[in-house]
Amino acid sequence: MLGWAITFLVVALIAGVLGFGGIAGTSVGIAKVLFFIFIILFVISLVARAVKGRPPV
């Protein structure tokens, strides 16, 4: 999922440089949503490992 966020960020940067404002804004929005979902899932997985008694890697 982080790969998708990075992909949309790159698309947004390229679109911004080329002057496609609408595409850049949409891509940035999608990248932000995917990034925050990734962060939330990462934190949940760390908490789950801690509850099971395994130390985080």
PDB file of N, CA and C in Angstrom:
ATOM      1  N   MET A   1       0.819  -1.182   0.000  1.00  0.00           N
ATOM      2  CA  MET A   1       0.000   0.000   0.000  1.00  0.00           C
ATOM      3  C   MET A   1       0.870   1.256   0.000  1.00  0.00           C
ATOM      4  N   LEU A   2       2.006   1.176   0.663  1.00  0.00           N
ATOM      5  CA  LEU A   2       2.916   2.322   0.648  1.00  0.00           C
ATOM      6  C   LEU A   2       3.419   2.569  -0.770  1.00  0.00           C
ATOM      7  N   GLY A   3       3.584   1.501  -1.524  1.00  0.00           N
ATOM      8  CA  GLY A   3       4.003   1.635  -2.921  1.00  0.00           C
ATOM      9  C   GLY A   3       3.004   2.437  -3.743  1.00  0.00           C
ATOM     10  N   TRP A   4       1.707   2.202  -3.497  1.00  0.00           N
ATOM     11  CA  TRP A   4       0.675   2.963  -4.203  1.00  0.00           C
ATOM     12  C   TRP A   4       0.717   4.424  -3.801  1.00  0.00           C
ATOM     13  N   ALA A   5       0.929   4.693  -2.524  1.00  0.00           N
ATOM     14  CA  ALA A   5       1.000   6.082  -2.070  1.00  0.00           C
ATOM     15  C   ALA A   5       2.167   6.800  -2.736  1.00  0.00           C
ATOM     16  N   ILE A   6       3.302   6.126  -2.823  1.00  0.00           N
ATOM     17  CA  ILE A   6       4.482   6.724  -3.472  1.00  0.00           C
ATOM     18  C   ILE A   6       4.222   6.929  -4.956  1.00  0.00           C
ATOM     19  N   THR A   7       3.545   5.960  -5.589  1.00  0.00           N
ATOM     20  CA  THR A   7       3.227   6.080  -7.014  1.00  0.00           C
ATOM     21  C   THR A   7       2.353   7.298  -7.278  1.00  0.00           C
ATOM     22  N   PHE A   8       1.294   7.480  -6.467  1.00  0.00           N
ATOM     23  CA  PHE A   8       0.424   8.633  -6.665  1.00  0.00           C
ATOM     24  C   PHE A   8       1.144   9.932  -6.348  1.00  0.00           C
ATOM     25  N   LEU A   9       2.075   9.911  -5.405  1.00  0.00           N
ATOM     26  CA  LEU A   9       2.854  11.110  -5.110  1.00  0.00           C
ATOM     27  C   LEU A   9       3.730  11.491  -6.300  1.00  0.00           C
ATOM     28  N   VAL A  10       4.355  10.506  -6.926  1.00  0.00           N
ATOM     29  CA  VAL A  10       5.194  10.769  -8.102  1.00  0.00           C
ATOM     30  C   VAL A  10       4.342  11.295  -9.251  1.00  0.00           C
ATOM     31  N   VAL A  11       3.165  10.691  -9.448  1.00  0.00           N
ATOM     32  CA  VAL A  11       2.260  11.167 -10.503  1.00  0.00           C
ATOM     33  C   VAL A  11       1.863  12.616 -10.234  1.00  0.00           C
ATOM     34  N   ALA A  12       1.593  12.933  -8.969  1.00  0.00           N
ATOM     35  CA  ALA A  12       1.210  14.298  -8.621  1.00  0.00           C
ATOM     36  C   ALA A  12       2.347  15.273  -8.884  1.00  0.00           C
ATOM     37  N   LEU A  13       3.573  14.870  -8.542  1.00  0.00           N
ATOM     38  CA  LEU A  13       4.713  15.760  -8.779  1.00  0.00           C
ATOM     39  C   LEU A  13       4.931  16.007 -10.269  1.00  0.00           C
ATOM     40  N   ILE A  14       4.841  14.951 -11.065  1.00  0.00           N
ATOM     41  CA  ILE A  14       5.026  15.100 -12.515  1.00  0.00           C
ATOM     42  C   ILE A  14       3.912  15.958 -13.098  1.00  0.00           C
ATOM     43  N   ALA A  15       2.667  15.697 -12.676  1.00  0.00           N
ATOM     44  CA  ALA A  15       1.538  16.481 -13.185  1.00  0.00           C
ATOM     45  C   ALA A  15       1.662  17.942 -12.764  1.00  0.00           C
ATOM     46  N   GLY A  16       2.141  18.184 -11.551  1.00  0.00           N
ATOM     47  CA  GLY A  16       2.325  19.560 -11.097  1.00  0.00           C
ATOM     48  C   GLY A  16       3.370  20.299 -11.905  1.00  0.00           C
ATOM     49  N   VAL A  17       4.454  19.623 -12.236  1.00  0.00           N
ATOM     50  CA  VAL A  17       5.513  20.241 -13.043  1.00  0.00           C
ATOM     51  C   VAL A  17       5.000  20.560 -14.446  1.00  0.00           C
ATOM     52  N   LEU A  18       4.178  19.667 -14.993  1.00  0.00           N
ATOM     53  CA  LEU A  18       3.675  19.868 -16.348  1.00  0.00           C
ATOM     54  C   LEU A  18       2.477  20.810 -16.401  1.00  0.00           C
ATOM     55  N   GLY A  19       1.927  21.190 -15.244  1.00  0.00           N
ATOM     56  CA  GLY A  19       0.848  22.160 -15.229  1.00  0.00           C
ATOM     57  C   GLY A  19      -0.550  21.582 -15.218  1.00  0.00           C
ATOM     58  N   PHE A  20      -0.691  20.296 -14.946  1.00  0.00           N
ATOM     59  CA  PHE A  20      -2.021  19.696 -14.879  1.00  0.00           C
ATOM     60  C   PHE A  20      -2.511  19.762 -13.436  1.00  0.00           C
ATOM     61  N   GLY A  21      -3.122  20.883 -13.067  1.00  0.00           N
ATOM     62  CA  GLY A  21      -3.516  21.136 -11.681  1.00  0.00           C
ATOM     63  C   GLY A  21      -4.520  20.147 -11.128  1.00  0.00           C
ATOM     64  N   GLY A  22      -5.540  19.820 -11.892  1.00  0.00           N
ATOM     65  CA  GLY A  22      -6.579  18.918 -11.412  1.00  0.00           C
ATOM     66  C   GLY A  22      -6.054  17.521 -11.136  1.00  0.00           C
ATOM     67  N   ILE A  23      -5.238  17.020 -12.045  1.00  0.00           N
ATOM     68  CA  ILE A  23      -4.662  15.685 -11.883  1.00  0.00           C
ATOM     69  C   ILE A  23      -3.705  15.669 -10.703  1.00  0.00           C
ATOM     70  N   ALA A  24      -2.930  16.714 -10.555  1.00  0.00           N
ATOM     71  CA  ALA A  24      -1.970  16.780  -9.449  1.00  0.00           C
ATOM     72  C   ALA A  24      -2.700  16.812  -8.113  1.00  0.00           C
ATOM     73  N   GLY A  25      -3.748  17.597  -8.011  1.00  0.00           N
ATOM     74  CA  GLY A  25      -4.502  17.681  -6.765  1.00  0.00           C
ATOM     75  C   GLY A  25      -5.148  16.364  -6.395  1.00  0.00           C
ATOM     76  N   THR A  26      -5.714  15.687  -7.383  1.00  0.00           N
ATOM     77  CA  THR A  26      -6.345  14.393  -7.139  1.00  0.00           C
ATOM     78  C   THR A  26      -5.318  13.362  -6.705  1.00  0.00           C
ATOM     79  N   SER A  27      -4.188  13.339  -7.377  1.00  0.00           N
ATOM     80  CA  SER A  27      -3.143  12.373  -7.036  1.00  0.00           C
ATOM     81  C   SER A  27      -2.580  12.617  -5.638  1.00  0.00           C
ATOM     82  N   VAL A  28      -2.414  13.874  -5.269  1.00  0.00           N
ATOM     83  CA  VAL A  28      -1.932  14.191  -3.929  1.00  0.00           C
ATOM     84  C   VAL A  28      -2.949  13.740  -2.888  1.00  0.00           C
ATOM     85  N   GLY A  29      -4.225  13.952  -3.161  1.00  0.00           N
ATOM     86  CA  GLY A  29      -5.268  13.515  -2.234  1.00  0.00           C
ATOM     87  C   GLY A  29      -5.258  12.005  -2.036  1.00  0.00           C
ATOM     88  N   ILE A  30      -5.152  11.269  -3.115  1.00  0.00           N
ATOM     89  CA  ILE A  30      -5.114   9.807  -3.036  1.00  0.00           C
ATOM     90  C   ILE A  30      -3.865   9.358  -2.301  1.00  0.00           C
ATOM     91  N   ALA A  31      -2.731   9.972  -2.583  1.00  0.00           N
ATOM     92  CA  ALA A  31      -1.475   9.602  -1.918  1.00  0.00           C
ATOM     93  C   ALA A  31      -1.572   9.846  -0.414  1.00  0.00           C
ATOM     94  N   LYS A  32      -2.185  10.950  -0.005  1.00  0.00           N
ATOM     95  CA  LYS A  32      -2.333  11.248   1.423  1.00  0.00           C
ATOM     96  C   LYS A  32      -3.198  10.197   2.110  1.00  0.00           C
ATOM     97  N   VAL A  33      -4.324   9.860   1.492  1.00  0.00           N
ATOM     98  CA  VAL A  33      -5.233   8.870   2.084  1.00  0.00           C
ATOM     99  C   VAL A  33      -4.534   7.526   2.223  1.00  0.00           C
ATOM    100  N   LEU A  34      -3.862   7.079   1.169  1.00  0.00           N
ATOM    101  CA  LEU A  34      -3.176   5.786   1.222  1.00  0.00           C
ATOM    102  C   LEU A  34      -2.048   5.802   2.252  1.00  0.00           C
ATOM    103  N   PHE A  35      -1.342   6.915   2.368  1.00  0.00           N
ATOM    104  CA  PHE A  35      -0.256   7.001   3.331  1.00  0.00           C
ATOM    105  C   PHE A  35      -0.782   6.896   4.754  1.00  0.00           C
ATOM    106  N   PHE A  36      -1.868   7.600   5.055  1.00  0.00           N
ATOM    107  CA  PHE A  36      -2.415   7.538   6.410  1.00  0.00           C
ATOM    108  C   PHE A  36      -3.002   6.170   6.724  1.00  0.00           C
ATOM    109  N   ILE A  37      -3.610   5.513   5.738  1.00  0.00           N
ATOM    110  CA  ILE A  37      -4.090   4.149   5.951  1.00  0.00           C
ATOM    111  C   ILE A  37      -2.913   3.231   6.256  1.00  0.00           C
ATOM    112  N   PHE A  38      -1.814   3.393   5.526  1.00  0.00           N
ATOM    113  CA  PHE A  38      -0.618   2.595   5.765  1.00  0.00           C
ATOM    114  C   PHE A  38      -0.086   2.817   7.178  1.00  0.00           C
ATOM    115  N   ILE A  39      -0.021   4.057   7.618  1.00  0.00           N
ATOM    116  CA  ILE A  39       0.475   4.363   8.959  1.00  0.00           C
ATOM    117  C   ILE A  39      -0.427   3.742  10.024  1.00  0.00           C
ATOM    118  N   ILE A  40      -1.737   3.837   9.854  1.00  0.00           N
ATOM    119  CA  ILE A  40      -2.673   3.266  10.823  1.00  0.00           C
ATOM    120  C   ILE A  40      -2.518   1.749  10.894  1.00  0.00           C
ATOM    121  N   LEU A  41      -2.418   1.087   9.746  1.00  0.00           N
ATOM    122  CA  LEU A  41      -2.235  -0.366   9.740  1.00  0.00           C
ATOM    123  C   LEU A  41      -0.902  -0.765  10.365  1.00  0.00           C
ATOM    124  N   PHE A  42       0.124   0.037  10.160  1.00  0.00           N
ATOM    125  CA  PHE A  42       1.431  -0.237  10.744  1.00  0.00           C
ATOM    126  C   PHE A  42       1.370  -0.162  12.269  1.00  0.00           C
ATOM    127  N   VAL A  43       0.716   0.872  12.785  1.00  0.00           N
ATOM    128  CA  VAL A  43       0.588   1.029  14.236  1.00  0.00           C
ATOM    129  C   VAL A  43      -0.237  -0.114  14.827  1.00  0.00           C
ATOM    130  N   ILE A  44      -1.318  -0.498  14.145  1.00  0.00           N
ATOM    131  CA  ILE A  44      -2.139  -1.617  14.619  1.00  0.00           C
ATOM    132  C   ILE A  44      -1.321  -2.900  14.665  1.00  0.00           C
ATOM    133  N   SER A  45      -0.490  -3.135  13.661  1.00  0.00           N
ATOM    134  CA  SER A  45       0.324  -4.348  13.655  1.00  0.00           C
ATOM    135  C   SER A  45       1.368  -4.324  14.774  1.00  0.00           C
ATOM    136  N   LEU A  46       1.930  -3.159  15.076  1.00  0.00           N
ATOM    137  CA  LEU A  46       2.878  -3.059  16.187  1.00  0.00           C
ATOM    138  C   LEU A  46       2.198  -3.338  17.522  1.00  0.00           C
ATOM    139  N   VAL A  47       1.002  -2.801  17.706  1.00  0.00           N
ATOM    140  CA  VAL A  47       0.258  -3.035  18.944  1.00  0.00           C
ATOM    141  C   VAL A  47      -0.106  -4.510  19.067  1.00  0.00           C
ATOM    142  N   ALA A  48      -0.529  -5.124  17.975  1.00  0.00           N
ATOM    143  CA  ALA A  48      -0.901  -6.538  18.001  1.00  0.00           C
ATOM    144  C   ALA A  48       0.300  -7.409  18.369  1.00  0.00           C
ATOM    145  N   ARG A  49       1.467  -7.088  17.840  1.00  0.00           N
ATOM    146  CA  ARG A  49       2.673  -7.858  18.187  1.00  0.00           C
ATOM    147  C   ARG A  49       3.041  -7.671  19.653  1.00  0.00           C
ATOM    148  N   ALA A  50       2.868  -6.460  20.161  1.00  0.00           N
ATOM    149  CA  ALA A  50       3.189  -6.184  21.565  1.00  0.00           C
ATOM    150  C   ALA A  50       2.232  -6.937  22.488  1.00  0.00           C
ATOM    151  N   VAL A  51       0.962  -7.009  22.116  1.00  0.00           N
ATOM    152  CA  VAL A  51      -0.020  -7.710  22.943  1.00  0.00           C
ATOM    153  C   VAL A  51       0.264  -9.207  22.948  1.00  0.00           C
ATOM    154  N   LYS A  52       0.719  -9.755  21.839  1.00  0.00           N
ATOM    155  CA  LYS A  52       1.027 -11.183  21.761  1.00  0.00           C
ATOM    156  C   LYS A  52       2.319 -11.524  22.520  1.00  0.00           C
ATOM    157  N   GLY A  53       3.088 -10.523  22.890  1.00  0.00           N
ATOM    158  CA  GLY A  53       4.293 -10.769  23.656  1.00  0.00           C
ATOM    159  C   GLY A  53       5.569 -10.829  22.836  1.00  0.00           C
ATOM    160  N   ARG A  54       5.454 -10.623  21.542  1.00  0.00           N
ATOM    161  CA  ARG A  54       6.650 -10.621  20.698  1.00  0.00           C
ATOM    162  C   ARG A  54       7.195  -9.201  20.626  1.00  0.00           C
ATOM    163  N   PRO A  55       8.496  -9.054  20.745  1.00  0.00           N
ATOM    164  CA  PRO A  55       9.067  -7.703  20.613  1.00  0.00           C
ATOM    165  C   PRO A  55       9.000  -7.230  19.154  1.00  0.00           C
ATOM    166  N   PRO A  56       8.824  -5.940  18.933  1.00  0.00           N
ATOM    167  CA  PRO A  56       8.829  -5.445  17.552  1.00  0.00           C
ATOM    168  C   PRO A  56      10.178  -5.650  16.912  1.00  0.00           C
ATOM    169  N   VAL A  57      10.152  -5.863  15.615  1.00  0.00           N
ATOM    170  CA  VAL A  57      11.382  -6.148  14.868  1.00  0.00           C
ATOM    171  C   VAL A  57      12.166  -4.894  14.646  1.00  0.00           C
TER     172      VAL A  57
END
